[in-house]
C-alpha cells in the first residue's frame, strides 16, 4: 500500500498493491493499521454510501462543519475523478484543490477529513463511487459550493472531455464560495486541526508525508 498526501493538507491517497494470478486480482483496499499510521486517528465507520452515476455527472462540491463526516472514497465500477477542495478558513491551502482518478484499474482510495470540500465527476456510464463515512448523514450539517464557481477554479469540462457537467438542482443552485464565507459556514483550519487531534489515537501519533510525497 502506497500513501500520498495530496495538495490539500490532511487529504490522502491510498494506492493498494494488486496480487494477480490466472483468476484475476486481489487487493486489500484498507487496513486499520494503515489508516492509523497515516492519520493517527481511529478508523470509525458509521455509514456506507454508494452512488451510481451517468457519464458527465458532477456531484458536489459538498462539505460538513464539525463534527461532520470524514470519508474514504473509492470506485467499484467505471471511472471517476475525485476533486478535493480546501474550504477550511485560514488553511495554508485555502481555496485550492487537488484531484485523483478513481477507477477499477488502480482501485485508489481517497481520504477526506472533516471540513474539506468534495466532488466527483463521472467519466463513464454507471461509474460507481463507494463511500465509508465516519458519521451518519445530518442534513442540517451538509453544505455545498457551486461546482462551477470560478473562485474554486475546477475545470470540470476539461475532465469530461469538453462535455457540460450534469448537475442536480441542489448543486446548480448552490452558493458561491464567497457567499458561503459571508454566511460564516466554513470552519476555521485551527478548529479542524484541534478536532483531528482530539479524535486521534494519540495526539501527533500519525506519521504523514509532505504534499505530493509517498512512503
N, C-alpha and C. Protein backbone atom coordinates (compact mmCIF):
# COMPACT_ATOMS: atom_id res chain seq x y z
N UNK A 1 0.84 -1.20 0.00
CA UNK A 1 0.00 0.00 0.00
C UNK A 1 0.87 1.25 0.00
N UNK A 2 0.67 2.12 -0.97
CA UNK A 2 1.36 3.41 -1.00
C UNK A 2 0.40 4.49 -0.51
N UNK A 3 0.92 5.42 0.27
CA UNK A 3 0.12 6.51 0.80
C UNK A 3 0.75 7.83 0.37
N UNK A 4 -0.07 8.72 -0.15
CA UNK A 4 0.43 10.02 -0.60
C UNK A 4 -0.48 11.11 -0.06
N UNK A 5 0.12 12.15 0.55
CA UNK A 5 -0.69 13.28 0.97
C UNK A 5 -0.90 14.20 -0.21
N UNK A 6 -2.13 14.65 -0.38
CA UNK A 6 -2.49 15.49 -1.51
C UNK A 6 -2.15 16.95 -1.22
N UNK A 7 -2.39 17.81 -2.21
CA UNK A 7 -2.09 19.23 -2.05
C UNK A 7 -2.96 19.88 -0.98
N UNK A 8 -4.11 19.28 -0.69
CA UNK A 8 -4.97 19.73 0.40
C UNK A 8 -4.49 19.05 1.68
N UNK A 9 -3.96 19.78 2.66
CA UNK A 9 -3.37 19.14 3.84
C UNK A 9 -4.35 18.21 4.55
N UNK A 10 -3.87 17.02 4.86
CA UNK A 10 -4.68 16.03 5.57
C UNK A 10 -5.46 15.10 4.68
N UNK A 11 -5.62 15.46 3.39
CA UNK A 11 -6.28 14.57 2.44
C UNK A 11 -5.25 13.59 1.89
N UNK A 12 -5.61 12.32 1.82
CA UNK A 12 -4.66 11.27 1.48
C UNK A 12 -5.16 10.41 0.33
N UNK A 13 -4.20 9.93 -0.44
CA UNK A 13 -4.46 8.95 -1.49
C UNK A 13 -3.80 7.64 -1.11
N UNK A 14 -4.59 6.56 -1.08
CA UNK A 14 -4.07 5.22 -0.83
C UNK A 14 -4.09 4.44 -2.14
N UNK A 15 -2.97 3.85 -2.52
CA UNK A 15 -2.91 3.01 -3.71
C UNK A 15 -2.57 1.59 -3.29
N UNK A 16 -3.52 0.66 -3.38
CA UNK A 16 -3.27 -0.71 -2.89
C UNK A 16 -2.40 -1.51 -3.86
N UNK A 17 -1.75 -2.52 -3.32
CA UNK A 17 -0.98 -3.45 -4.14
C UNK A 17 -1.92 -4.54 -4.66
N UNK A 18 -1.81 -4.83 -5.95
CA UNK A 18 -2.64 -5.87 -6.56
C UNK A 18 -1.87 -7.18 -6.60
N UNK A 19 -2.54 -8.25 -6.19
CA UNK A 19 -1.98 -9.61 -6.26
C UNK A 19 -2.72 -10.35 -7.37
N UNK A 20 -2.02 -10.62 -8.45
CA UNK A 20 -2.67 -11.15 -9.64
C UNK A 20 -2.25 -12.58 -9.91
N UNK A 21 -3.19 -13.36 -10.45
CA UNK A 21 -2.89 -14.70 -10.94
C UNK A 21 -3.84 -15.00 -12.09
N UNK A 22 -3.94 -16.25 -12.48
CA UNK A 22 -4.75 -16.61 -13.64
C UNK A 22 -6.24 -16.35 -13.44
N UNK A 23 -6.68 -16.17 -12.19
CA UNK A 23 -8.10 -15.92 -11.92
C UNK A 23 -8.48 -14.46 -12.02
N UNK A 24 -7.48 -13.58 -11.82
CA UNK A 24 -7.75 -12.15 -11.78
C UNK A 24 -6.83 -11.50 -10.77
N UNK A 25 -7.39 -10.67 -9.90
CA UNK A 25 -6.56 -9.97 -8.93
C UNK A 25 -7.27 -9.85 -7.59
N UNK A 26 -6.47 -9.64 -6.55
CA UNK A 26 -6.97 -9.44 -5.19
C UNK A 26 -6.26 -8.21 -4.62
N UNK A 27 -7.02 -7.33 -3.97
CA UNK A 27 -6.46 -6.12 -3.39
C UNK A 27 -7.01 -5.92 -1.99
N UNK A 28 -6.17 -5.51 -1.07
CA UNK A 28 -6.61 -5.04 0.24
C UNK A 28 -6.78 -3.53 0.14
N UNK A 29 -8.02 -3.06 0.16
CA UNK A 29 -8.28 -1.64 -0.01
C UNK A 29 -7.99 -0.84 1.25
N UNK A 30 -8.11 -1.44 2.41
CA UNK A 30 -7.94 -0.69 3.65
C UNK A 30 -7.67 -1.64 4.80
N UNK A 31 -6.73 -1.25 5.63
CA UNK A 31 -6.49 -1.93 6.89
C UNK A 31 -6.45 -0.88 8.00
N UNK A 32 -6.91 -1.29 9.18
CA UNK A 32 -6.93 -0.37 10.31
C UNK A 32 -5.55 0.21 10.58
N UNK A 33 -4.50 -0.63 10.52
CA UNK A 33 -3.17 -0.13 10.87
C UNK A 33 -2.64 0.86 9.84
N UNK A 34 -3.01 0.68 8.55
CA UNK A 34 -2.59 1.65 7.54
C UNK A 34 -3.21 3.01 7.82
N UNK A 35 -4.50 2.97 8.10
CA UNK A 35 -5.24 4.21 8.38
C UNK A 35 -4.68 4.91 9.62
N UNK A 36 -4.45 4.14 10.70
CA UNK A 36 -3.95 4.73 11.94
C UNK A 36 -2.56 5.31 11.75
N UNK A 37 -1.70 4.60 11.04
CA UNK A 37 -0.36 5.11 10.80
C UNK A 37 -0.38 6.38 9.97
N UNK A 38 -1.27 6.44 8.99
CA UNK A 38 -1.31 7.60 8.09
C UNK A 38 -1.91 8.83 8.75
N UNK A 39 -2.90 8.63 9.64
CA UNK A 39 -3.64 9.77 10.18
C UNK A 39 -3.51 9.95 11.68
N UNK A 40 -3.14 8.90 12.40
CA UNK A 40 -3.13 8.98 13.86
C UNK A 40 -4.50 8.94 14.48
N UNK A 41 -5.52 8.59 13.70
CA UNK A 41 -6.89 8.60 14.19
C UNK A 41 -7.49 7.20 14.12
N UNK A 42 -8.50 6.96 14.94
CA UNK A 42 -9.20 5.69 14.92
C UNK A 42 -9.98 5.55 13.62
N UNK A 43 -10.09 4.33 13.13
CA UNK A 43 -10.93 4.04 11.98
C UNK A 43 -12.35 3.81 12.48
N UNK A 44 -13.22 4.74 12.16
CA UNK A 44 -14.61 4.66 12.61
C UNK A 44 -15.51 4.77 11.38
N UNK A 45 -16.35 3.77 11.18
CA UNK A 45 -17.28 3.78 10.05
C UNK A 45 -18.71 3.71 10.60
N UNK A 46 -19.48 4.77 10.36
CA UNK A 46 -20.85 4.84 10.85
C UNK A 46 -21.87 4.68 9.73
N UNK A 47 -21.43 4.87 8.48
CA UNK A 47 -22.36 4.81 7.36
C UNK A 47 -21.59 4.46 6.09
N UNK A 48 -22.22 3.69 5.22
CA UNK A 48 -21.64 3.32 3.93
C UNK A 48 -22.57 3.80 2.83
N UNK A 49 -22.04 4.57 1.88
CA UNK A 49 -22.84 5.10 0.77
C UNK A 49 -22.32 4.58 -0.56
N UNK A 50 -23.19 4.55 -1.54
CA UNK A 50 -22.79 4.22 -2.90
C UNK A 50 -23.61 5.08 -3.85
N UNK A 51 -22.93 5.69 -4.84
CA UNK A 51 -23.64 6.40 -5.90
C UNK A 51 -23.28 5.76 -7.23
N UNK A 52 -24.28 5.60 -8.09
CA UNK A 52 -24.07 5.10 -9.45
C UNK A 52 -24.43 6.25 -10.39
N UNK A 53 -23.49 6.62 -11.24
CA UNK A 53 -23.60 7.88 -11.97
C UNK A 53 -23.56 7.71 -13.48
N UNK A 54 -24.40 8.49 -14.16
CA UNK A 54 -24.30 8.58 -15.61
C UNK A 54 -23.01 9.30 -16.00
N UNK A 55 -22.55 9.07 -17.22
CA UNK A 55 -21.39 9.79 -17.73
C UNK A 55 -21.66 11.30 -17.67
N UNK A 56 -20.65 12.06 -17.30
CA UNK A 56 -20.66 13.52 -17.24
C UNK A 56 -21.41 14.10 -16.04
N UNK A 57 -21.84 13.25 -15.12
CA UNK A 57 -22.45 13.76 -13.89
C UNK A 57 -21.36 14.31 -12.97
N UNK A 58 -21.63 15.46 -12.37
CA UNK A 58 -20.79 16.03 -11.32
C UNK A 58 -21.62 16.13 -10.05
N UNK A 59 -21.09 15.58 -8.98
CA UNK A 59 -21.73 15.68 -7.66
C UNK A 59 -20.82 16.50 -6.76
N UNK A 60 -21.36 17.54 -6.12
CA UNK A 60 -20.56 18.39 -5.24
C UNK A 60 -20.52 19.80 -5.81
N UNK A 61 -19.76 20.64 -5.12
CA UNK A 61 -18.77 20.37 -4.07
C UNK A 61 -19.47 20.48 -2.71
N UNK A 62 -19.42 19.40 -1.91
CA UNK A 62 -20.11 19.34 -0.63
C UNK A 62 -19.10 19.35 0.52
N UNK A 63 -19.56 19.82 1.68
CA UNK A 63 -18.71 19.81 2.87
C UNK A 63 -19.59 19.81 4.10
N UNK A 64 -18.97 19.43 5.25
CA UNK A 64 -19.65 19.49 6.54
C UNK A 64 -18.81 20.32 7.50
N UNK A 65 -19.48 20.86 8.51
CA UNK A 65 -18.79 21.51 9.61
C UNK A 65 -18.48 20.47 10.68
N UNK A 66 -17.82 20.88 11.73
CA UNK A 66 -17.51 19.97 12.84
C UNK A 66 -18.72 19.87 13.77
N UNK A 67 -18.96 18.67 14.31
CA UNK A 67 -18.36 17.41 13.89
C UNK A 67 -19.16 16.89 12.71
N UNK A 68 -18.46 16.48 11.66
CA UNK A 68 -19.14 16.05 10.46
C UNK A 68 -18.62 14.72 9.99
N UNK A 69 -18.61 14.55 8.67
CA UNK A 69 -18.21 13.29 8.09
C UNK A 69 -16.80 13.37 7.50
N UNK A 70 -15.92 12.51 7.97
CA UNK A 70 -14.72 12.19 7.21
C UNK A 70 -15.08 11.03 6.30
N UNK A 71 -14.43 10.94 5.13
CA UNK A 71 -14.85 9.94 4.15
C UNK A 71 -13.65 9.24 3.52
N UNK A 72 -13.82 7.95 3.27
CA UNK A 72 -12.98 7.19 2.35
C UNK A 72 -13.81 6.99 1.09
N UNK A 73 -13.22 7.27 -0.06
CA UNK A 73 -13.95 7.15 -1.32
C UNK A 73 -13.13 6.31 -2.29
N UNK A 74 -13.79 5.34 -2.93
CA UNK A 74 -13.14 4.57 -3.99
C UNK A 74 -14.16 4.32 -5.09
N UNK A 75 -13.71 3.76 -6.19
CA UNK A 75 -14.57 3.48 -7.34
C UNK A 75 -14.63 1.98 -7.54
N UNK A 76 -15.83 1.43 -7.61
CA UNK A 76 -16.01 0.00 -7.79
C UNK A 76 -16.60 -0.36 -9.15
N UNK A 77 -16.70 0.64 -10.03
CA UNK A 77 -17.18 0.39 -11.38
C UNK A 77 -16.99 1.63 -12.23
N UNK A 78 -16.43 1.47 -13.44
CA UNK A 78 -16.20 2.62 -14.29
C UNK A 78 -15.04 3.47 -13.81
N UNK A 79 -15.16 4.78 -14.00
CA UNK A 79 -14.07 5.69 -13.62
C UNK A 79 -14.64 7.05 -13.22
N UNK A 80 -14.01 7.65 -12.21
CA UNK A 80 -14.40 8.94 -11.66
C UNK A 80 -13.15 9.79 -11.43
N UNK A 81 -13.33 11.10 -11.46
CA UNK A 81 -12.31 12.00 -10.92
C UNK A 81 -12.83 12.53 -9.60
N UNK A 82 -12.06 12.33 -8.55
CA UNK A 82 -12.41 12.83 -7.23
C UNK A 82 -11.71 14.16 -7.02
N UNK A 83 -12.47 15.20 -6.70
CA UNK A 83 -11.92 16.54 -6.50
C UNK A 83 -12.04 16.91 -5.04
N UNK A 84 -10.92 17.33 -4.46
CA UNK A 84 -10.86 17.69 -3.05
C UNK A 84 -10.50 19.17 -2.96
N UNK A 85 -11.35 19.97 -2.32
CA UNK A 85 -11.14 21.42 -2.21
C UNK A 85 -10.95 21.80 -0.74
N UNK A 86 -9.94 22.61 -0.48
CA UNK A 86 -9.69 23.05 0.89
C UNK A 86 -10.59 24.24 1.20
N UNK A 87 -11.62 24.01 2.01
CA UNK A 87 -12.59 25.03 2.38
C UNK A 87 -12.47 25.42 3.85
N UNK A 88 -11.32 25.15 4.45
CA UNK A 88 -11.12 25.47 5.86
C UNK A 88 -10.48 26.85 5.98
N UNK A 89 -11.22 27.79 6.56
CA UNK A 89 -10.75 29.17 6.70
C UNK A 89 -9.40 29.19 7.43
N UNK A 90 -8.44 29.89 6.86
CA UNK A 90 -7.14 30.00 7.50
C UNK A 90 -6.16 28.92 7.12
N UNK A 91 -6.60 27.94 6.33
CA UNK A 91 -5.69 26.89 5.89
C UNK A 91 -4.64 27.48 4.95
N UNK A 92 -3.39 26.99 5.01
CA UNK A 92 -2.38 27.48 4.08
C UNK A 92 -2.72 27.16 2.63
N UNK A 93 -3.65 26.23 2.42
CA UNK A 93 -4.05 25.86 1.06
C UNK A 93 -5.50 26.26 0.77
N UNK A 94 -6.05 27.19 1.55
CA UNK A 94 -7.46 27.56 1.39
C UNK A 94 -7.77 27.96 -0.05
N UNK A 95 -8.88 27.41 -0.57
CA UNK A 95 -9.32 27.75 -1.91
C UNK A 95 -8.68 26.93 -3.01
N UNK A 96 -7.66 26.15 -2.68
CA UNK A 96 -7.02 25.31 -3.69
C UNK A 96 -7.69 23.93 -3.72
N UNK A 97 -7.39 23.18 -4.76
CA UNK A 97 -7.96 21.84 -4.86
C UNK A 97 -6.95 20.88 -5.45
N UNK A 98 -7.23 19.61 -5.32
CA UNK A 98 -6.44 18.55 -5.92
C UNK A 98 -7.43 17.53 -6.47
N UNK A 99 -6.96 16.65 -7.34
CA UNK A 99 -7.85 15.66 -7.93
C UNK A 99 -7.12 14.33 -8.06
N UNK A 100 -7.90 13.25 -7.99
CA UNK A 100 -7.37 11.89 -8.10
C UNK A 100 -8.30 11.09 -9.00
N UNK A 101 -7.72 10.37 -9.95
CA UNK A 101 -8.51 9.46 -10.77
C UNK A 101 -8.80 8.19 -9.97
N UNK A 102 -10.07 7.88 -9.84
CA UNK A 102 -10.50 6.66 -9.17
C UNK A 102 -11.11 5.74 -10.21
N UNK A 103 -10.58 4.52 -10.31
CA UNK A 103 -11.09 3.59 -11.32
C UNK A 103 -10.84 2.16 -10.88
N UNK A 104 -11.20 1.22 -11.72
CA UNK A 104 -11.05 -0.19 -11.40
C UNK A 104 -9.75 -0.76 -11.97
N UNK A 105 -8.85 0.13 -12.41
CA UNK A 105 -7.51 -0.29 -12.79
C UNK A 105 -6.56 -0.21 -11.58
N UNK A 106 -6.65 0.88 -10.84
CA UNK A 106 -5.74 1.09 -9.70
C UNK A 106 -6.43 0.87 -8.36
N UNK A 107 -7.75 1.05 -8.31
CA UNK A 107 -8.53 0.96 -7.06
C UNK A 107 -7.98 1.88 -5.98
N UNK A 108 -7.55 3.09 -6.38
CA UNK A 108 -7.11 4.06 -5.38
C UNK A 108 -8.27 4.42 -4.46
N UNK A 109 -7.90 4.78 -3.24
CA UNK A 109 -8.86 5.23 -2.23
C UNK A 109 -8.42 6.62 -1.77
N UNK A 110 -9.37 7.54 -1.65
CA UNK A 110 -9.08 8.89 -1.17
C UNK A 110 -9.68 9.06 0.22
N UNK A 111 -8.90 9.64 1.13
CA UNK A 111 -9.40 10.00 2.45
C UNK A 111 -9.59 11.50 2.51
N UNK A 112 -10.77 11.92 3.01
CA UNK A 112 -11.13 13.33 3.11
C UNK A 112 -11.46 13.65 4.55
N UNK A 113 -10.69 14.50 5.23
CA UNK A 113 -11.02 14.85 6.60
C UNK A 113 -12.20 15.81 6.68
N UNK A 114 -12.78 15.93 7.85
CA UNK A 114 -13.90 16.83 8.07
C UNK A 114 -13.51 18.27 7.71
N UNK A 115 -14.47 19.00 7.14
CA UNK A 115 -14.23 20.39 6.78
C UNK A 115 -13.71 20.60 5.38
N UNK A 116 -13.32 19.53 4.71
CA UNK A 116 -12.79 19.62 3.35
C UNK A 116 -13.92 19.42 2.35
N UNK A 117 -13.91 20.19 1.26
CA UNK A 117 -14.92 20.06 0.23
C UNK A 117 -14.63 18.90 -0.69
N UNK A 118 -15.69 18.33 -1.27
CA UNK A 118 -15.52 17.11 -2.06
C UNK A 118 -16.53 17.08 -3.20
N UNK A 119 -16.06 16.64 -4.38
CA UNK A 119 -16.94 16.43 -5.52
C UNK A 119 -16.38 15.34 -6.41
N UNK A 120 -17.23 14.74 -7.22
CA UNK A 120 -16.78 13.73 -8.17
C UNK A 120 -17.34 14.03 -9.55
N UNK A 121 -16.57 13.68 -10.58
CA UNK A 121 -17.00 13.78 -11.96
C UNK A 121 -16.96 12.39 -12.58
N UNK A 122 -18.07 11.98 -13.17
CA UNK A 122 -18.17 10.64 -13.73
C UNK A 122 -17.66 10.63 -15.17
N UNK A 123 -16.66 9.79 -15.42
CA UNK A 123 -16.06 9.70 -16.75
C UNK A 123 -16.69 8.63 -17.62
N UNK A 124 -17.49 7.74 -17.03
CA UNK A 124 -18.09 6.62 -17.75
C UNK A 124 -19.55 6.47 -17.32
N UNK A 125 -20.30 5.70 -18.10
CA UNK A 125 -21.65 5.33 -17.67
C UNK A 125 -21.55 4.38 -16.47
N UNK A 126 -22.47 4.55 -15.55
CA UNK A 126 -22.59 3.68 -14.37
C UNK A 126 -21.31 3.68 -13.53
N UNK A 127 -20.64 4.82 -13.46
CA UNK A 127 -19.48 4.94 -12.57
C UNK A 127 -19.97 4.90 -11.13
N UNK A 128 -19.42 3.96 -10.36
CA UNK A 128 -19.92 3.72 -9.00
C UNK A 128 -18.90 4.18 -7.97
N UNK A 129 -19.30 5.16 -7.17
CA UNK A 129 -18.47 5.65 -6.07
C UNK A 129 -18.94 5.01 -4.78
N UNK A 130 -17.99 4.52 -3.99
CA UNK A 130 -18.26 3.82 -2.74
C UNK A 130 -17.64 4.62 -1.60
N UNK A 131 -18.44 4.98 -0.60
CA UNK A 131 -18.01 5.86 0.48
C UNK A 131 -18.10 5.14 1.83
N UNK A 132 -17.05 5.22 2.62
CA UNK A 132 -17.11 4.90 4.04
C UNK A 132 -17.11 6.22 4.79
N UNK A 133 -18.11 6.44 5.64
CA UNK A 133 -18.27 7.72 6.32
C UNK A 133 -18.12 7.53 7.83
N UNK A 134 -17.45 8.48 8.46
CA UNK A 134 -17.17 8.38 9.90
C UNK A 134 -18.38 8.72 10.76
N UNK A 135 -19.39 9.36 10.19
CA UNK A 135 -20.59 9.75 10.93
C UNK A 135 -21.79 9.57 10.01
N UNK A 136 -22.97 9.45 10.60
CA UNK A 136 -24.18 9.33 9.78
C UNK A 136 -24.55 10.69 9.19
N UNK A 137 -25.31 10.65 8.13
CA UNK A 137 -25.72 11.86 7.42
C UNK A 137 -26.58 12.75 8.30
N UNK A 138 -26.25 14.02 8.34
CA UNK A 138 -27.03 15.01 9.07
C UNK A 138 -27.38 16.13 8.10
N UNK A 139 -28.63 16.22 7.65
CA UNK A 139 -28.98 17.23 6.65
C UNK A 139 -28.75 18.66 7.11
N UNK A 140 -28.75 18.87 8.44
CA UNK A 140 -28.50 20.22 8.95
C UNK A 140 -27.01 20.57 8.97
N UNK A 141 -26.17 19.58 8.69
CA UNK A 141 -24.72 19.81 8.67
C UNK A 141 -24.14 19.37 7.33
N UNK A 142 -24.86 19.67 6.28
CA UNK A 142 -24.43 19.35 4.92
C UNK A 142 -24.58 20.60 4.07
N UNK A 143 -23.49 21.07 3.50
CA UNK A 143 -23.48 22.33 2.76
C UNK A 143 -22.79 22.12 1.41
N UNK A 144 -22.93 23.09 0.54
CA UNK A 144 -22.32 22.97 -0.76
C UNK A 144 -21.87 24.31 -1.32
N UNK A 145 -20.91 24.24 -2.22
CA UNK A 145 -20.44 25.37 -3.00
C UNK A 145 -20.71 25.04 -4.46
N UNK A 146 -21.14 26.00 -5.24
CA UNK A 146 -21.43 25.73 -6.65
C UNK A 146 -20.18 25.19 -7.33
N UNK A 147 -20.27 24.01 -7.95
CA UNK A 147 -19.07 23.41 -8.52
C UNK A 147 -18.42 24.22 -9.63
N UNK A 148 -19.20 25.07 -10.31
CA UNK A 148 -18.65 25.87 -11.40
C UNK A 148 -18.21 27.26 -10.96
N UNK A 149 -18.20 27.50 -9.66
CA UNK A 149 -17.75 28.80 -9.16
C UNK A 149 -16.32 29.06 -9.62
N UNK A 150 -16.07 30.16 -10.35
CA UNK A 150 -14.71 30.43 -10.84
C UNK A 150 -13.68 30.51 -9.73
N UNK A 151 -14.10 30.91 -8.51
CA UNK A 151 -13.13 31.02 -7.42
C UNK A 151 -12.57 29.66 -7.04
N UNK A 152 -13.34 28.60 -7.22
CA UNK A 152 -12.82 27.26 -6.95
C UNK A 152 -11.80 26.85 -8.01
N UNK A 153 -12.03 27.28 -9.24
CA UNK A 153 -11.07 27.01 -10.30
C UNK A 153 -11.01 25.57 -10.75
N UNK A 154 -12.09 24.81 -10.59
CA UNK A 154 -12.10 23.41 -11.01
C UNK A 154 -12.60 23.34 -12.45
N UNK A 155 -11.79 22.80 -13.36
CA UNK A 155 -12.17 22.72 -14.77
C UNK A 155 -12.87 21.37 -15.03
N UNK A 156 -14.12 21.30 -14.60
CA UNK A 156 -14.88 20.06 -14.76
C UNK A 156 -15.03 19.70 -16.23
N UNK A 157 -15.25 20.69 -17.08
CA UNK A 157 -15.47 20.40 -18.51
C UNK A 157 -14.25 19.75 -19.13
N UNK A 158 -13.07 20.18 -18.73
CA UNK A 158 -11.85 19.55 -19.26
C UNK A 158 -11.78 18.09 -18.80
N UNK A 159 -12.14 17.83 -17.53
CA UNK A 159 -12.15 16.45 -17.03
C UNK A 159 -13.10 15.58 -17.84
N UNK A 160 -14.20 16.18 -18.30
CA UNK A 160 -15.24 15.44 -19.01
C UNK A 160 -15.06 15.50 -20.51
N UNK A 161 -13.89 15.88 -20.97
CA UNK A 161 -13.61 15.91 -22.41
C UNK A 161 -14.38 16.98 -23.15
N UNK A 162 -14.71 18.07 -22.45
CA UNK A 162 -15.43 19.17 -23.07
C UNK A 162 -16.93 19.12 -22.88
N UNK A 163 -17.46 18.05 -22.30
CA UNK A 163 -18.90 17.93 -22.10
C UNK A 163 -19.38 18.85 -20.98
N UNK A 164 -20.64 19.21 -21.04
CA UNK A 164 -21.25 20.04 -20.00
C UNK A 164 -21.58 19.16 -18.79
N UNK A 165 -21.16 19.58 -17.60
CA UNK A 165 -21.47 18.78 -16.40
C UNK A 165 -22.98 18.67 -16.17
N UNK A 166 -23.42 17.50 -15.78
CA UNK A 166 -24.81 17.28 -15.39
C UNK A 166 -24.90 17.45 -13.88
N UNK A 167 -25.69 18.42 -13.44
CA UNK A 167 -25.79 18.76 -12.02
C UNK A 167 -27.20 18.51 -11.49
N UNK A 168 -27.27 18.26 -10.20
CA UNK A 168 -28.57 18.20 -9.54
C UNK A 168 -29.11 19.62 -9.37
N UNK A 169 -30.41 19.72 -9.09
CA UNK A 169 -31.00 21.03 -8.83
C UNK A 169 -30.34 21.67 -7.62
N UNK A 170 -30.01 20.86 -6.63
CA UNK A 170 -29.36 21.39 -5.42
C UNK A 170 -27.99 21.97 -5.74
N UNK A 171 -27.19 21.23 -6.51
CA UNK A 171 -25.84 21.70 -6.81
C UNK A 171 -25.84 22.90 -7.76
N UNK A 172 -26.76 22.90 -8.73
CA UNK A 172 -26.81 24.03 -9.65
C UNK A 172 -27.30 25.30 -8.97
N UNK A 173 -27.98 25.15 -7.82
CA UNK A 173 -28.43 26.32 -7.07
C UNK A 173 -27.59 26.63 -5.85
N UNK A 174 -26.46 25.95 -5.71
CA UNK A 174 -25.60 26.16 -4.54
C UNK A 174 -24.94 27.54 -4.61
N UNK A 175 -24.62 28.12 -3.45
CA UNK A 175 -24.00 29.45 -3.42
C UNK A 175 -22.53 29.40 -3.85
N UNK A 176 -22.00 30.57 -4.12
CA UNK A 176 -20.58 30.69 -4.43
C UNK A 176 -19.76 30.53 -3.15
N UNK A 177 -18.46 30.35 -3.32
CA UNK A 177 -17.58 30.27 -2.15
C UNK A 177 -17.61 31.57 -1.38
N UNK A 178 -17.66 32.70 -2.08
CA UNK A 178 -17.71 34.00 -1.40
C UNK A 178 -18.96 34.13 -0.54
N UNK A 179 -20.10 33.64 -1.05
CA UNK A 179 -21.34 33.70 -0.29
C UNK A 179 -21.30 32.77 0.92
N UNK A 180 -20.73 31.59 0.75
CA UNK A 180 -20.60 30.66 1.86
C UNK A 180 -19.74 31.26 2.96
N UNK A 181 -18.67 31.93 2.58
CA UNK A 181 -17.81 32.61 3.56
C UNK A 181 -18.58 33.73 4.26
N UNK A 182 -19.33 34.49 3.48
CA UNK A 182 -20.09 35.61 4.05
C UNK A 182 -21.09 35.12 5.08
N UNK A 183 -21.66 33.94 4.84
CA UNK A 183 -22.65 33.37 5.77
C UNK A 183 -21.99 32.72 6.99
N UNK A 184 -20.67 32.66 7.00
CA UNK A 184 -19.97 32.07 8.14
C UNK A 184 -20.12 30.57 8.26
N UNK A 185 -20.25 29.88 7.12
CA UNK A 185 -20.50 28.44 7.15
C UNK A 185 -19.22 27.60 7.17
N UNK A 186 -18.08 28.22 6.91
CA UNK A 186 -16.83 27.46 6.87
C UNK A 186 -16.22 27.36 8.26
N UNK A 187 -15.51 26.27 8.48
CA UNK A 187 -14.84 26.03 9.76
C UNK A 187 -13.41 26.52 9.69
N UNK A 188 -12.91 27.08 10.78
CA UNK A 188 -11.52 27.53 10.84
C UNK A 188 -10.57 26.34 10.78
N UNK A 189 -9.46 26.53 10.10
CA UNK A 189 -8.47 25.46 9.95
C UNK A 189 -7.95 25.01 11.31
N UNK A 190 -7.68 25.96 12.21
CA UNK A 190 -7.16 25.57 13.52
C UNK A 190 -8.18 24.77 14.33
N UNK A 191 -9.47 25.05 14.12
CA UNK A 191 -10.50 24.26 14.79
C UNK A 191 -10.52 22.84 14.25
N UNK A 192 -10.35 22.71 12.93
CA UNK A 192 -10.28 21.37 12.34
C UNK A 192 -9.07 20.61 12.86
N UNK A 193 -7.92 21.26 12.92
CA UNK A 193 -6.72 20.60 13.40
C UNK A 193 -6.89 20.14 14.84
N UNK A 194 -7.51 20.97 15.67
CA UNK A 194 -7.75 20.59 17.07
C UNK A 194 -8.70 19.41 17.14
N UNK A 195 -9.70 19.40 16.25
CA UNK A 195 -10.65 18.28 16.24
C UNK A 195 -9.97 17.00 15.79
N UNK A 196 -9.12 17.08 14.78
CA UNK A 196 -8.40 15.89 14.32
C UNK A 196 -7.54 15.33 15.44
N UNK A 197 -6.87 16.22 16.18
CA UNK A 197 -6.04 15.75 17.29
C UNK A 197 -6.89 15.12 18.39
N UNK A 198 -8.04 15.74 18.66
CA UNK A 198 -8.90 15.25 19.74
C UNK A 198 -9.49 13.89 19.42
N UNK A 199 -9.65 13.59 18.14
CA UNK A 199 -10.21 12.30 17.75
C UNK A 199 -9.12 11.31 17.38
N UNK A 200 -7.86 11.63 17.67
CA UNK A 200 -6.74 10.75 17.36
C UNK A 200 -6.55 9.68 18.41
N UNK A 201 -5.81 8.64 18.01
CA UNK A 201 -5.44 7.58 18.96
C UNK A 201 -4.55 8.18 20.04
N UNK A 202 -3.50 8.84 19.60
CA UNK A 202 -2.62 9.61 20.46
C UNK A 202 -2.28 10.87 19.70
N UNK A 203 -2.40 12.02 20.30
CA UNK A 203 -2.12 13.26 19.60
C UNK A 203 -0.74 13.20 18.96
N UNK A 204 -0.71 13.48 17.67
CA UNK A 204 0.57 13.51 16.97
C UNK A 204 1.11 12.14 16.62
N UNK A 205 0.30 11.07 16.79
CA UNK A 205 0.84 9.73 16.52
C UNK A 205 0.88 9.41 15.04
N UNK A 206 0.07 10.11 14.23
CA UNK A 206 0.08 9.82 12.80
C UNK A 206 1.38 10.29 12.17
N UNK A 207 1.90 9.50 11.26
CA UNK A 207 3.11 9.87 10.55
C UNK A 207 2.73 10.17 9.11
N UNK A 208 2.78 11.44 8.74
CA UNK A 208 2.31 11.82 7.43
C UNK A 208 3.46 12.37 6.61
N UNK A 209 3.32 12.26 5.30
CA UNK A 209 4.32 12.80 4.41
C UNK A 209 3.99 14.24 4.09
N UNK A 210 4.89 14.89 3.41
CA UNK A 210 4.60 16.21 2.89
C UNK A 210 3.74 16.10 1.64
N UNK A 211 3.16 17.23 1.17
CA UNK A 211 2.29 17.19 -0.01
C UNK A 211 3.01 16.57 -1.20
N UNK A 212 2.33 15.64 -1.85
CA UNK A 212 2.86 15.03 -3.05
C UNK A 212 3.86 13.93 -2.82
N UNK A 213 4.22 13.66 -1.57
CA UNK A 213 5.22 12.64 -1.28
C UNK A 213 4.55 11.31 -0.98
N UNK A 214 5.30 10.22 -1.24
CA UNK A 214 4.82 8.90 -0.94
C UNK A 214 5.69 8.26 0.12
N UNK A 215 5.19 7.18 0.70
CA UNK A 215 6.03 6.37 1.58
C UNK A 215 5.66 4.90 1.40
